[in-house]
PDB file of N, CA and C in Angstrom:
ATOM      1  N   MET A   1      62.131-145.239 214.730  1.00  0.00           N
ATOM      2  CA  MET A   1      61.592-143.967 215.176  1.00  0.00           C
ATOM      3  C   MET A   1      61.644-143.907 216.703  1.00  0.00           C
ATOM      4  N   GLN A   2      61.877-142.723 217.202  1.00  0.00           N
ATOM      5  CA  GLN A   2      61.959-142.597 218.652  1.00  0.00           C
ATOM      6  C   GLN A   2      60.919-141.624 219.190  1.00  0.00           C
ATOM      7  N   ALA A   3      61.303-140.385 219.318  1.00  0.00           N
ATOM      8  CA  ALA A   3      60.472-139.395 219.987  1.00  0.00           C
ATOM      9  C   ALA A   3      59.174-139.136 219.232  1.00  0.00           C
ATOM     10  N   HIS A   4      58.130-138.865 219.991  1.00  0.00           N
ATOM     11  CA  HIS A   4      56.804-138.580 219.438  1.00  0.00           C
ATOM     12  C   HIS A   4      56.873-137.485 218.369  1.00  0.00           C
ATOM     13  N   GLU A   5      57.603-136.421 218.669  1.00  0.00           N
ATOM     14  CA  GLU A   5      57.721-135.290 217.740  1.00  0.00           C
ATOM     15  C   GLU A   5      58.364-135.727 216.425  1.00  0.00           C
ATOM     16  N   ASP A   6      59.399-136.558 216.501  1.00  0.00           N
ATOM     17  CA  ASP A   6      60.064-137.059 215.296  1.00  0.00           C
ATOM     18  C   ASP A   6      59.126-137.929 214.470  1.00  0.00           C
ATOM     19  N   VAL A   7      58.326-138.745 215.134  1.00  0.00           N
ATOM     20  CA  VAL A   7      57.368-139.604 214.440  1.00  0.00           C
ATOM     21  C   VAL A   7      56.350-138.745 213.700  1.00  0.00           C
ATOM     22  N   GLN A   8      55.848-137.718 214.365  1.00  0.00           N
ATOM     23  CA  GLN A   8      54.856-136.842 213.733  1.00  0.00           C
ATOM     24  C   GLN A   8      55.452-136.112 212.528  1.00  0.00           C
ATOM     25  N   LYS A   9      56.709-135.696 212.632  1.00  0.00           N
ATOM     26  CA  LYS A   9      57.388-135.046 211.497  1.00  0.00           C
ATOM     27  C   LYS A   9      57.570-136.026 210.342  1.00  0.00           C
ATOM     28  N   PHE A  10      57.919-137.257 210.653  1.00  0.00           N
ATOM     29  CA  PHE A  10      58.095-138.295 209.635  1.00  0.00           C
ATOM     30  C   PHE A  10      56.777-138.545 208.899  1.00  0.00           C
ATOM     31  N   ILE A  11      55.697-138.673 209.643  1.00  0.00           N
ATOM     32  CA  ILE A  11      54.377-138.886 209.040  1.00  0.00           C
ATOM     33  C   ILE A  11      54.000-137.686 208.179  1.00  0.00           C
ATOM     34  N   ALA A  12      54.197-136.481 208.699  1.00  0.00           N
ATOM     35  CA  ALA A  12      53.875-135.263 207.945  1.00  0.00           C
ATOM     36  C   ALA A  12      54.673-135.201 206.648  1.00  0.00           C
ATOM     37  N   HIS A  13      55.930-135.623 206.698  1.00  0.00           N
ATOM     38  CA  HIS A  13      56.784-135.642 205.507  1.00  0.00           C
ATOM     39  C   HIS A  13      56.217-136.603 204.463  1.00  0.00           C
ATOM     40  N   LEU A  14      55.839-137.797 204.873  1.00  0.00           N
ATOM     41  CA  LEU A  14      55.276-138.772 203.931  1.00  0.00           C
ATOM     42  C   LEU A  14      53.983-138.252 203.313  1.00  0.00           C
ATOM     43  N   VAL A  15      53.127-137.669 204.131  1.00  0.00           N
ATOM     44  CA  VAL A  15      51.841-137.151 203.648  1.00  0.00           C
ATOM     45  C   VAL A  15      52.065-135.995 202.674  1.00  0.00           C
ATOM     46  N   ALA A  16      52.999-135.109 202.998  1.00  0.00           N
ATOM     47  CA  ALA A  16      53.245-133.931 202.159  1.00  0.00           C
ATOM     48  C   ALA A  16      53.930-134.277 200.843  1.00  0.00           C
ATOM     49  N   ASN A  17      54.728-135.332 200.839  1.00  0.00           N
ATOM     50  CA  ASN A  17      55.536-135.638 199.658  1.00  0.00           C
ATOM     51  C   ASN A  17      54.983-136.747 198.769  1.00  0.00           C
ATOM     52  N   ASN A  18      53.804-137.232 199.077  1.00  0.00           N
ATOM     53  CA  ASN A  18      53.157-138.261 198.261  1.00  0.00           C
ATOM     54  C   ASN A  18      51.709-137.858 198.036  1.00  0.00           C
ATOM     55  N   LYS A  19      51.332-137.688 196.777  1.00  0.00           N
ATOM     56  CA  LYS A  19      49.973-137.230 196.468  1.00  0.00           C
ATOM     57  C   LYS A  19      48.913-138.190 196.976  1.00  0.00           C
ATOM     58  N   VAL A  20      49.225-139.477 196.939  1.00  0.00           N
ATOM     59  CA  VAL A  20      48.318-140.500 197.473  1.00  0.00           C
ATOM     60  C   VAL A  20      49.156-141.386 198.392  1.00  0.00           C
ATOM     61  N   MET A  21      48.870-141.309 199.685  1.00  0.00           N
ATOM     62  CA  MET A  21      49.674-142.004 200.697  1.00  0.00           C
ATOM     63  C   MET A  21      48.767-142.868 201.556  1.00  0.00           C
ATOM     64  N   LEU A  22      49.118-144.146 201.650  1.00  0.00           N
ATOM     65  CA  LEU A  22      48.324-145.087 202.434  1.00  0.00           C
ATOM     66  C   LEU A  22      49.171-145.687 203.550  1.00  0.00           C
ATOM     67  N   PHE A  23      48.754-145.454 204.784  1.00  0.00           N
ATOM     68  CA  PHE A  23      49.356-146.127 205.933  1.00  0.00           C
ATOM     69  C   PHE A  23      48.539-147.394 206.135  1.00  0.00           C
ATOM     70  N   MET A  24      49.219-148.536 206.084  1.00  0.00           N
ATOM     71  CA  MET A  24      48.506-149.812 206.064  1.00  0.00           C
ATOM     72  C   MET A  24      49.293-150.895 206.777  1.00  0.00           C
ATOM     73  N   LYS A  25      48.653-152.033 206.938  1.00  0.00           N
ATOM     74  CA  LYS A  25      49.336-153.217 207.464  1.00  0.00           C
ATOM     75  C   LYS A  25      49.790-154.021 206.261  1.00  0.00           C
ATOM     76  N   GLY A  26      51.110-154.138 206.108  1.00  0.00           N
ATOM     77  CA  GLY A  26      51.687-154.776 204.931  1.00  0.00           C
ATOM     78  C   GLY A  26      52.060-153.719 203.905  1.00  0.00           C
ATOM     79  N   ASN A  27      52.159-154.134 202.642  1.00  0.00           N
ATOM     80  CA  ASN A  27      52.458-153.179 201.577  1.00  0.00           C
ATOM     81  C   ASN A  27      51.551-153.465 200.390  1.00  0.00           C
ATOM     82  N   LYS A  28      51.648-152.634 199.345  1.00  0.00           N
ATOM     83  CA  LYS A  28      50.701-152.790 198.237  1.00  0.00           C
ATOM     84  C   LYS A  28      50.834-154.128 197.524  1.00  0.00           C
ATOM     85  N   SER A  29      52.002-154.737 197.580  1.00  0.00           N
ATOM     86  CA  SER A  29      52.186-156.056 196.969  1.00  0.00           C
ATOM     87  C   SER A  29      51.680-157.184 197.858  1.00  0.00           C
ATOM     88  N   PHE A  30      51.699-156.949 199.180  1.00  0.00           N
ATOM     89  CA  PHE A  30      51.307-157.996 200.119  1.00  0.00           C
ATOM     90  C   PHE A  30      50.613-157.390 201.340  1.00  0.00           C
ATOM     91  N   PRO A  31      49.360-156.952 201.170  1.00  0.00           N
ATOM     92  CA  PRO A  31      48.612-156.429 202.320  1.00  0.00           C
ATOM     93  C   PRO A  31      48.468-157.517 203.384  1.00  0.00           C
ATOM     94  N   GLN A  32      48.555-157.116 204.650  1.00  0.00           N
ATOM     95  CA  GLN A  32      48.493-158.097 205.727  1.00  0.00           C
ATOM     96  C   GLN A  32      47.237-157.965 206.584  1.00  0.00           C
ATOM     97  N   CYS A  33      46.221-157.306 206.054  1.00  0.00           N
ATOM     98  CA  CYS A  33      44.910-157.321 206.696  1.00  0.00           C
ATOM     99  C   CYS A  33      43.869-157.060 205.617  1.00  0.00           C
ATOM    100  N   GLY A  34      42.690-157.561 205.842  1.00  0.00           N
ATOM    101  CA  GLY A  34      41.632-157.455 204.844  1.00  0.00           C
ATOM    102  C   GLY A  34      41.261-156.026 204.508  1.00  0.00           C
ATOM    103  N   PHE A  35      41.217-155.149 205.512  1.00  0.00           N
ATOM    104  CA  PHE A  35      40.843-153.759 205.280  1.00  0.00           C
ATOM    105  C   PHE A  35      41.886-153.044 204.425  1.00  0.00           C
ATOM    106  N   SER A  36      43.162-153.297 204.716  1.00  0.00           N
ATOM    107  CA  SER A  36      44.236-152.712 203.908  1.00  0.00           C
ATOM    108  C   SER A  36      44.159-153.225 202.478  1.00  0.00           C
ATOM    109  N   ALA A  37      43.883-154.509 202.315  1.00  0.00           N
ATOM    110  CA  ALA A  37      43.784-155.106 200.978  1.00  0.00           C
ATOM    111  C   ALA A  37      42.665-154.462 200.166  1.00  0.00           C
ATOM    112  N   VAL A  38      41.540-154.174 200.804  1.00  0.00           N
ATOM    113  CA  VAL A  38      40.411-153.537 200.110  1.00  0.00           C
ATOM    114  C   VAL A  38      40.817-152.166 199.579  1.00  0.00           C
ATOM    115  N   VAL A  39      41.473-151.361 200.409  1.00  0.00           N
ATOM    116  CA  VAL A  39      41.872-150.013 199.981  1.00  0.00           C
ATOM    117  C   VAL A  39      42.900-150.100 198.856  1.00  0.00           C
ATOM    118  N   VAL A  40      43.859-151.005 198.957  1.00  0.00           N
ATOM    119  CA  VAL A  40      44.854-151.189 197.891  1.00  0.00           C
ATOM    120  C   VAL A  40      44.155-151.542 196.578  1.00  0.00           C
ATOM    121  N   GLU A  41      43.220-152.461 196.614  1.00  0.00           N
ATOM    122  CA  GLU A  41      42.513-152.866 195.389  1.00  0.00           C
ATOM    123  C   GLU A  41      41.724-151.708 194.791  1.00  0.00           C
ATOM    124  N   ILE A  42      41.102-150.898 195.631  1.00  0.00           N
ATOM    125  CA  ILE A  42      40.362-149.735 195.133  1.00  0.00           C
ATOM    126  C   ILE A  42      41.319-148.761 194.456  1.00  0.00           C
ATOM    127  N   LEU A  43      42.464-148.490 195.079  1.00  0.00           N
ATOM    128  CA  LEU A  43      43.436-147.567 194.479  1.00  0.00           C
ATOM    129  C   LEU A  43      43.988-148.133 193.174  1.00  0.00           C
ATOM    130  N   LYS A  44      44.272-149.421 193.141  1.00  0.00           N
ATOM    131  CA  LYS A  44      44.776-150.044 191.908  1.00  0.00           C
ATOM    132  C   LYS A  44      43.736-149.955 190.796  1.00  0.00           C
ATOM    133  N   LYS A  45      42.471-150.112 191.137  1.00  0.00           N
ATOM    134  CA  LYS A  45      41.385-150.020 190.161  1.00  0.00           C
ATOM    135  C   LYS A  45      41.382-148.648 189.477  1.00  0.00           C
ATOM    136  N   HIS A  46      41.732-147.615 190.234  1.00  0.00           N
ATOM    137  CA  HIS A  46      41.755-146.256 189.693  1.00  0.00           C
ATOM    138  C   HIS A  46      43.061-145.942 188.962  1.00  0.00           C
ATOM    139  N   ALA A  47      43.994-146.862 188.982  1.00  0.00           N
ATOM    140  CA  ALA A  47      45.264-146.743 188.248  1.00  0.00           C
ATOM    141  C   ALA A  47      46.002-145.441 188.545  1.00  0.00           C
ATOM    142  N   VAL A  48      46.050-145.068 189.819  1.00  0.00           N
ATOM    143  CA  VAL A  48      46.810-143.885 190.219  1.00  0.00           C
ATOM    144  C   VAL A  48      48.058-144.339 190.970  1.00  0.00           C
ATOM    145  N   PRO A  49      49.141-143.603 190.818  1.00  0.00           N
ATOM    146  CA  PRO A  49      50.328-143.946 191.610  1.00  0.00           C
ATOM    147  C   PRO A  49      50.059-143.646 193.086  1.00  0.00           C
ATOM    148  N   PHE A  50      50.480-144.547 193.947  1.00  0.00           N
ATOM    149  CA  PHE A  50      50.325-144.306 195.378  1.00  0.00           C
ATOM    150  C   PHE A  50      51.461-144.980 196.121  1.00  0.00           C
ATOM    151  N   GLU A  51      51.760-144.424 197.283  1.00  0.00           N
ATOM    152  CA  GLU A  51      52.805-144.970 198.140  1.00  0.00           C
ATOM    153  C   GLU A  51      52.158-145.543 199.390  1.00  0.00           C
ATOM    154  N   THR A  52      52.857-146.493 199.990  1.00  0.00           N
ATOM    155  CA  THR A  52      52.364-147.092 201.222  1.00  0.00           C
ATOM    156  C   THR A  52      53.459-147.086 202.283  1.00  0.00           C
ATOM    157  N   PHE A  53      53.027-147.133 203.525  1.00  0.00           N
ATOM    158  CA  PHE A  53      53.946-147.348 204.642  1.00  0.00           C
ATOM    159  C   PHE A  53      53.363-148.479 205.468  1.00  0.00           C
ATOM    160  N   ASN A  54      54.179-149.496 205.702  1.00  0.00           N
ATOM    161  CA  ASN A  54      53.767-150.652 206.484  1.00  0.00           C
ATOM    162  C   ASN A  54      53.907-150.332 207.970  1.00  0.00           C
ATOM    163  N   VAL A  55      52.792-150.079 208.631  1.00  0.00           N
ATOM    164  CA  VAL A  55      52.840-149.717 210.047  1.00  0.00           C
ATOM    165  C   VAL A  55      53.291-150.875 210.934  1.00  0.00           C
ATOM    166  N   LEU A  56      53.241-152.089 210.413  1.00  0.00           N
ATOM    167  CA  LEU A  56      53.716-153.237 211.192  1.00  0.00           C
ATOM    168  C   LEU A  56      55.235-153.221 211.341  1.00  0.00           C
ATOM    169  N   SER A  57      55.914-152.471 210.473  1.00  0.00           N
ATOM    170  CA  SER A  57      57.375-152.401 210.521  1.00  0.00           C
ATOM    171  C   SER A  57      57.882-151.417 211.573  1.00  0.00           C
ATOM    172  N   ASP A  58      56.996-150.571 212.111  1.00  0.00           N
ATOM    173  CA  ASP A  58      57.422-149.559 213.070  1.00  0.00           C
ATOM    174  C   ASP A  58      56.277-149.238 214.034  1.00  0.00           C
ATOM    175  N   PRO A  59      56.316-149.810 215.236  1.00  0.00           N
ATOM    176  CA  PRO A  59      55.241-149.576 216.208  1.00  0.00           C
ATOM    177  C   PRO A  59      55.016-148.098 216.546  1.00  0.00           C
ATOM    178  N   ALA A  60      56.085-147.295 216.527  1.00  0.00           N
ATOM    179  CA  ALA A  60      55.937-145.868 216.837  1.00  0.00           C
ATOM    180  C   ALA A  60      55.112-145.165 215.761  1.00  0.00           C
ATOM    181  N   VAL A  61      55.337-145.516 214.506  1.00  0.00           N
ATOM    182  CA  VAL A  61      54.548-144.929 213.419  1.00  0.00           C
ATOM    183  C   VAL A  61      53.119-145.469 213.474  1.00  0.00           C
ATOM    184  N   ARG A  62      52.992-146.739 213.811  1.00  0.00           N
ATOM    185  CA  ARG A  62      51.648-147.343 213.909  1.00  0.00           C
ATOM    186  C   ARG A  62      50.785-146.568 214.900  1.00  0.00           C
ATOM    187  N   GLU A  63      51.339-146.216 216.048  1.00  0.00           N
ATOM    188  CA  GLU A  63      50.593-145.430 217.034  1.00  0.00           C
ATOM    189  C   GLU A  63      50.533-143.959 216.640  1.00  0.00           C
ATOM    190  N   GLY A  64      51.635-143.459 216.096  1.00  0.00           N
ATOM    191  CA  GLY A  64      51.713-142.041 215.738  1.00  0.00           C
ATOM    192  C   GLY A  64      50.727-141.624 214.671  1.00  0.00           C
ATOM    193  N   VAL A  65      50.490-142.502 213.701  1.00  0.00           N
ATOM    194  CA  VAL A  65      49.575-142.157 212.616  1.00  0.00           C
ATOM    195  C   VAL A  65      48.141-142.046 213.144  1.00  0.00           C
ATOM    196  N   LYS A  66      47.824-142.810 214.166  1.00  0.00           N
ATOM    197  CA  LYS A  66      46.493-142.718 214.781  1.00  0.00           C
ATOM    198  C   LYS A  66      46.304-141.352 215.441  1.00  0.00           C
ATOM    199  N   GLN A  67      47.360-140.855 216.069  1.00  0.00           N
ATOM    200  CA  GLN A  67      47.309-139.536 216.700  1.00  0.00           C
ATOM    201  C   GLN A  67      47.321-138.432 215.650  1.00  0.00           C
ATOM    202  N   TYR A  68      48.106-138.624 214.607  1.00  0.00           N
ATOM    203  CA  TYR A  68      48.258-137.613 213.554  1.00  0.00           C
ATOM    204  C   TYR A  68      46.904-137.244 212.955  1.00  0.00           C
ATOM    205  N   ALA A  69      46.086-138.252 212.690  1.00  0.00           N
ATOM    206  CA  ALA A  69      44.788-138.015 212.057  1.00  0.00           C
ATOM    207  C   ALA A  69      43.636-138.000 213.062  1.00  0.00           C
ATOM    208  N   SER A  70      43.942-138.256 214.325  1.00  0.00           N
ATOM    209  CA  SER A  70      42.883-138.444 215.322  1.00  0.00           C
ATOM    210  C   SER A  70      41.887-139.490 214.829  1.00  0.00           C
ATOM    211  N   TRP A  71      42.434-140.581 214.306  1.00  0.00           N
ATOM    212  CA  TRP A  71      41.639-141.675 213.750  1.00  0.00           C
ATOM    213  C   TRP A  71      42.187-142.968 214.332  1.00  0.00           C
ATOM    214  N   PRO A  72      41.346-143.797 214.952  1.00  0.00           N
ATOM    215  CA  PRO A  72      41.858-144.928 215.731  1.00  0.00           C
ATOM    216  C   PRO A  72      42.266-146.175 214.958  1.00  0.00           C
ATOM    217  N   THR A  73      41.934-146.246 213.675  1.00  0.00           N
ATOM    218  CA  THR A  73      42.174-147.498 212.958  1.00  0.00           C
ATOM    219  C   THR A  73      43.082-147.319 211.748  1.00  0.00           C
ATOM    220  N   ILE A  74      43.561-148.451 211.264  1.00  0.00           N
ATOM    221  CA  ILE A  74      44.414-148.522 210.079  1.00  0.00           C
ATOM    222  C   ILE A  74      43.744-149.515 209.159  1.00  0.00           C
ATOM    223  N   PRO A  75      43.683-149.248 207.865  1.00  0.00           N
ATOM    224  CA  PRO A  75      44.453-148.295 207.068  1.00  0.00           C
ATOM    225  C   PRO A  75      43.941-146.857 207.183  1.00  0.00           C
ATOM    226  N   GLN A  76      44.832-145.944 206.773  1.00  0.00           N
ATOM    227  CA  GLN A  76      44.504-144.527 206.698  1.00  0.00           C
ATOM    228  C   GLN A  76      44.997-144.003 205.366  1.00  0.00           C
ATOM    229  N   LEU A  77      44.093-143.381 204.618  1.00  0.00           N
ATOM    230  CA  LEU A  77      44.423-142.863 203.296  1.00  0.00           C
ATOM    231  C   LEU A  77      44.472-141.344 203.314  1.00  0.00           C
ATOM    232  N   TYR A  78      45.531-140.802 202.708  1.00  0.00           N
ATOM    233  CA  TYR A  78      45.689-139.361 202.518  1.00  0.00           C
ATOM    234  C   TYR A  78      45.762-139.093 201.024  1.00  0.00           C
ATOM    235  N   ILE A  79      45.024-138.098 200.581  1.00  0.00           N
ATOM    236  CA  ILE A  79      45.066-137.691 199.175  1.00  0.00           C
ATOM    237  C   ILE A  79      45.309-136.191 199.143  1.00  0.00           C
ATOM    238  N   GLY A  80      46.352-135.781 198.423  1.00  0.00           N
ATOM    239  CA  GLY A  80      46.677-134.361 198.337  1.00  0.00           C
ATOM    240  C   GLY A  80      46.954-133.740 199.689  1.00  0.00           C
ATOM    241  N   GLY A  81      47.553-134.513 200.592  1.00  0.00           N
ATOM    242  CA  GLY A  81      47.903-134.007 201.914  1.00  0.00           C
ATOM    243  C   GLY A  81      46.751-133.998 202.902  1.00  0.00           C
ATOM    244  N   GLU A  82      45.583-134.445 202.484  1.00  0.00           N
ATOM    245  CA  GLU A  82      44.393-134.402 203.329  1.00  0.00           C
ATOM    246  C   GLU A  82      43.969-135.815 203.737  1.00  0.00           C
ATOM    247  N   PHE A  83      43.651-135.968 205.013  1.00  0.00           N
ATOM    248  CA  PHE A  83      43.179-137.263 205.492  1.00  0.00           C
ATOM    249  C   PHE A  83      41.805-137.550 204.902  1.00  0.00           C
ATOM    250  N   VAL A  84      41.671-138.715 204.287  1.00  0.00           N
ATOM    251  CA  VAL A  84      40.409-139.115 203.665  1.00  0.00           C
ATOM    252  C   VAL A  84      39.627-140.034 204.593  1.00  0.00           C
ATOM    253  N   GLY A  85      40.293-141.055 205.133  1.00  0.00           N
ATOM    254  CA  GLY A  85      39.614-141.976 206.030  1.00  0.00           C
ATOM    255  C   GLY A  85      40.180-143.368 205.942  1.00  0.00           C
ATOM    256  N   GLY A  86      39.423-144.294 206.505  1.00  0.00           N
ATOM    257  CA  GLY A  86      39.809-145.692 206.499  1.00  0.00           C
ATOM    258  C   GLY A  86      39.034-146.471 205.456  1.00  0.00           C
ATOM    259  N   CYS A  87      39.007-147.764 205.614  1.00  0.00           N
ATOM    260  CA  CYS A  87      38.435-148.664 204.619  1.00  0.00           C
ATOM    261  C   CYS A  87      36.972-148.352 204.298  1.00  0.00           C
ATOM    262  N   ASP A  88      36.132-148.221 205.309  1.00  0.00           N
ATOM    263  CA  ASP A  88      34.701-148.002 205.064  1.00  0.00           C
ATOM    264  C   ASP A  88      34.447-146.698 204.322  1.00  0.00           C
ATOM    265  N   ILE A  89      35.138-145.641 204.724  1.00  0.00           N
ATOM    266  CA  ILE A  89      34.961-144.341 204.071  1.00  0.00           C
ATOM    267  C   ILE A  89      35.466-144.398 202.637  1.00  0.00           C
ATOM    268  N   VAL A  90      36.623-145.014 202.417  1.00  0.00           N
ATOM    269  CA  VAL A  90      37.176-145.125 201.063  1.00  0.00           C
ATOM    270  C   VAL A  90      36.225-145.934 200.180  1.00  0.00           C
ATOM    271  N   ARG A  91      35.692-147.007 200.714  1.00  0.00           N
ATOM    272  CA  ARG A  91      34.749-147.841 199.956  1.00  0.00           C
ATOM    273  C   ARG A  91      33.496-147.034 199.580  1.00  0.00           C
ATOM    274  N   GLU A  92      32.982-146.271 200.530  1.00  0.00           N
ATOM    275  CA  GLU A  92      31.794-145.444 200.289  1.00  0.00           C
ATOM    276  C   GLU A  92      32.083-144.358 199.249  1.00  0.00           C
ATOM    277  N   MET A  93      33.226-143.695 199.389  1.00  0.00           N
ATOM    278  CA  MET A  93      33.602-142.644 198.433  1.00  0.00           C
ATOM    279  C   MET A  93      33.816-143.222 197.039  1.00  0.00           C
ATOM    280  N   ASP A  94      34.347-144.433 196.967  1.00  0.00           N
ATOM    281  CA  ASP A  94      34.534-145.087 195.682  1.00  0.00           C
ATOM    282  C   ASP A  94      33.174-145.367 195.040  1.00  0.00           C
ATOM    283  N   ALA A  95      32.237-145.844 195.824  1.00  0.00           N
ATOM    284  CA  ALA A  95      30.906-146.194 195.313  1.00  0.00           C
ATOM    285  C   ALA A  95      30.144-144.973 194.802  1.00  0.00           C
ATOM    286  N   ASN A  96      30.325-143.815 195.457  1.00  0.00           N
ATOM    287  CA  ASN A  96      29.555-142.639 195.041  1.00  0.00           C
ATOM    288  C   ASN A  96      30.320-141.701 194.102  1.00  0.00           C
ATOM    289  N   GLY A  97      31.535-142.074 193.701  1.00  0.00           N
ATOM    290  CA  GLY A  97      32.293-141.288 192.730  1.00  0.00           C
ATOM    291  C   GLY A  97      33.184-140.212 193.319  1.00  0.00           C
ATOM    292  N   GLU A  98      33.042-139.955 194.618  1.00  0.00           N
ATOM    293  CA  GLU A  98      33.851-138.915 195.267  1.00  0.00           C
ATOM    294  C   GLU A  98      35.343-139.220 195.214  1.00  0.00           C
ATOM    295  N   LEU A  99      35.678-140.488 195.402  1.00  0.00           N
ATOM    296  CA  LEU A  99      37.090-140.871 195.446  1.00  0.00           C
ATOM    297  C   LEU A  99      37.763-140.595 194.110  1.00  0.00           C
ATOM    298  N   GLU A 100      37.114-140.961 193.025  1.00  0.00           N
ATOM    299  CA  GLU A 100      37.689-140.735 191.699  1.00  0.00           C
ATOM    300  C   GLU A 100      37.971-139.252 191.478  1.00  0.00           C
ATOM    301  N   ASP A 101      37.027-138.395 191.854  1.00  0.00           N
ATOM    302  CA  ASP A 101      37.211-136.947 191.707  1.00  0.00           C
ATOM    303  C   ASP A 101      38.408-136.464 192.518  1.00  0.00           C
ATOM    304  N   LYS A 102      38.503-136.922 193.755  1.00  0.00           N
ATOM    305  CA  LYS A 102      39.604-136.510 194.637  1.00  0.00           C
ATOM    306  C   LYS A 102      40.951-136.990 194.095  1.00  0.00           C
ATOM    307  N   LEU A 103      40.990-138.228 193.622  1.00  0.00           N
ATOM    308  CA  LEU A 103      42.229-138.781 193.067  1.00  0.00           C
ATOM    309  C   LEU A 103      42.652-138.030 191.814  1.00  0.00           C
ATOM    310  N   LYS A 104      41.713-137.742 190.936  1.00  0.00           N
ATOM    311  CA  LYS A 104      42.029-137.004 189.703  1.00  0.00           C
ATOM    312  C   LYS A 104      42.569-135.622 190.028  1.00  0.00           C
ATOM    313  N   ALA A 105      41.915-134.931 190.950  1.00  0.00           N
ATOM    314  CA  ALA A 105      42.347-133.582 191.323  1.00  0.00           C
ATOM    315  C   ALA A 105      43.758-133.597 191.909  1.00  0.00           C
ATOM    316  N   ALA A 106      44.034-134.552 192.777  1.00  0.00           N
ATOM    317  CA  ALA A 106      45.343-134.611 193.441  1.00  0.00           C
ATOM    318  C   ALA A 106      46.446-135.025 192.489  1.00  0.00           C
ATOM    319  N   THR A 107      46.168-135.982 191.612  1.00  0.00           N
ATOM    320  CA  THR A 107      47.226-136.479 190.736  1.00  0.00           C
ATOM    321  C   THR A 107      47.419-135.595 189.515  1.00  0.00           C
ATOM    322  N   ALA A 108      46.442-134.747 189.205  1.00  0.00           N
ATOM    323  CA  ALA A 108      46.583-133.816 188.080  1.00  0.00           C
ATOM    324  C   ALA A 108      47.393-132.591 188.485  1.00  0.00           C
ATOM    325  N   ALA A 109      47.356-132.248 189.768  1.00  0.00           N
ATOM    326  CA  ALA A 109      48.081-131.074 190.259  1.00  0.00           C
ATOM    327  C   ALA A 109      49.583-131.297 190.122  1.00  0.00           C
ATOM    328  N   ALA A 110      50.263-130.256 189.675  1.00  0.00           N
ATOM    329  CA  ALA A 110      51.718-130.367 189.458  1.00  0.00           C
ATOM    330  C   ALA A 110      52.474-130.312 190.756  1.00  0.00           C
TER     331      ALA A 110
END
């Protein structure tokens, strides 16, 4: 990735074309940070299809995704094109049932 504008378009494309999109360190098979691993395990528990992007593979995307969501940390979860949050927020939403509702709504939509 090169130009800031191209990075933002790339991120927007991933978010728009994947109902559940996780920007993380590593990938769903091999998370490379504890926070990313927690979010992956929560998503796997809900048995929903989700895609990941390893921000360690592209420094421009790693910085760009922080600007895209105005959120300083990774992982970052998007559901139905909407930014949900990072590890703590996902964990909290999972505990109170909000995450399941959001995942069902997004994955049920055609």
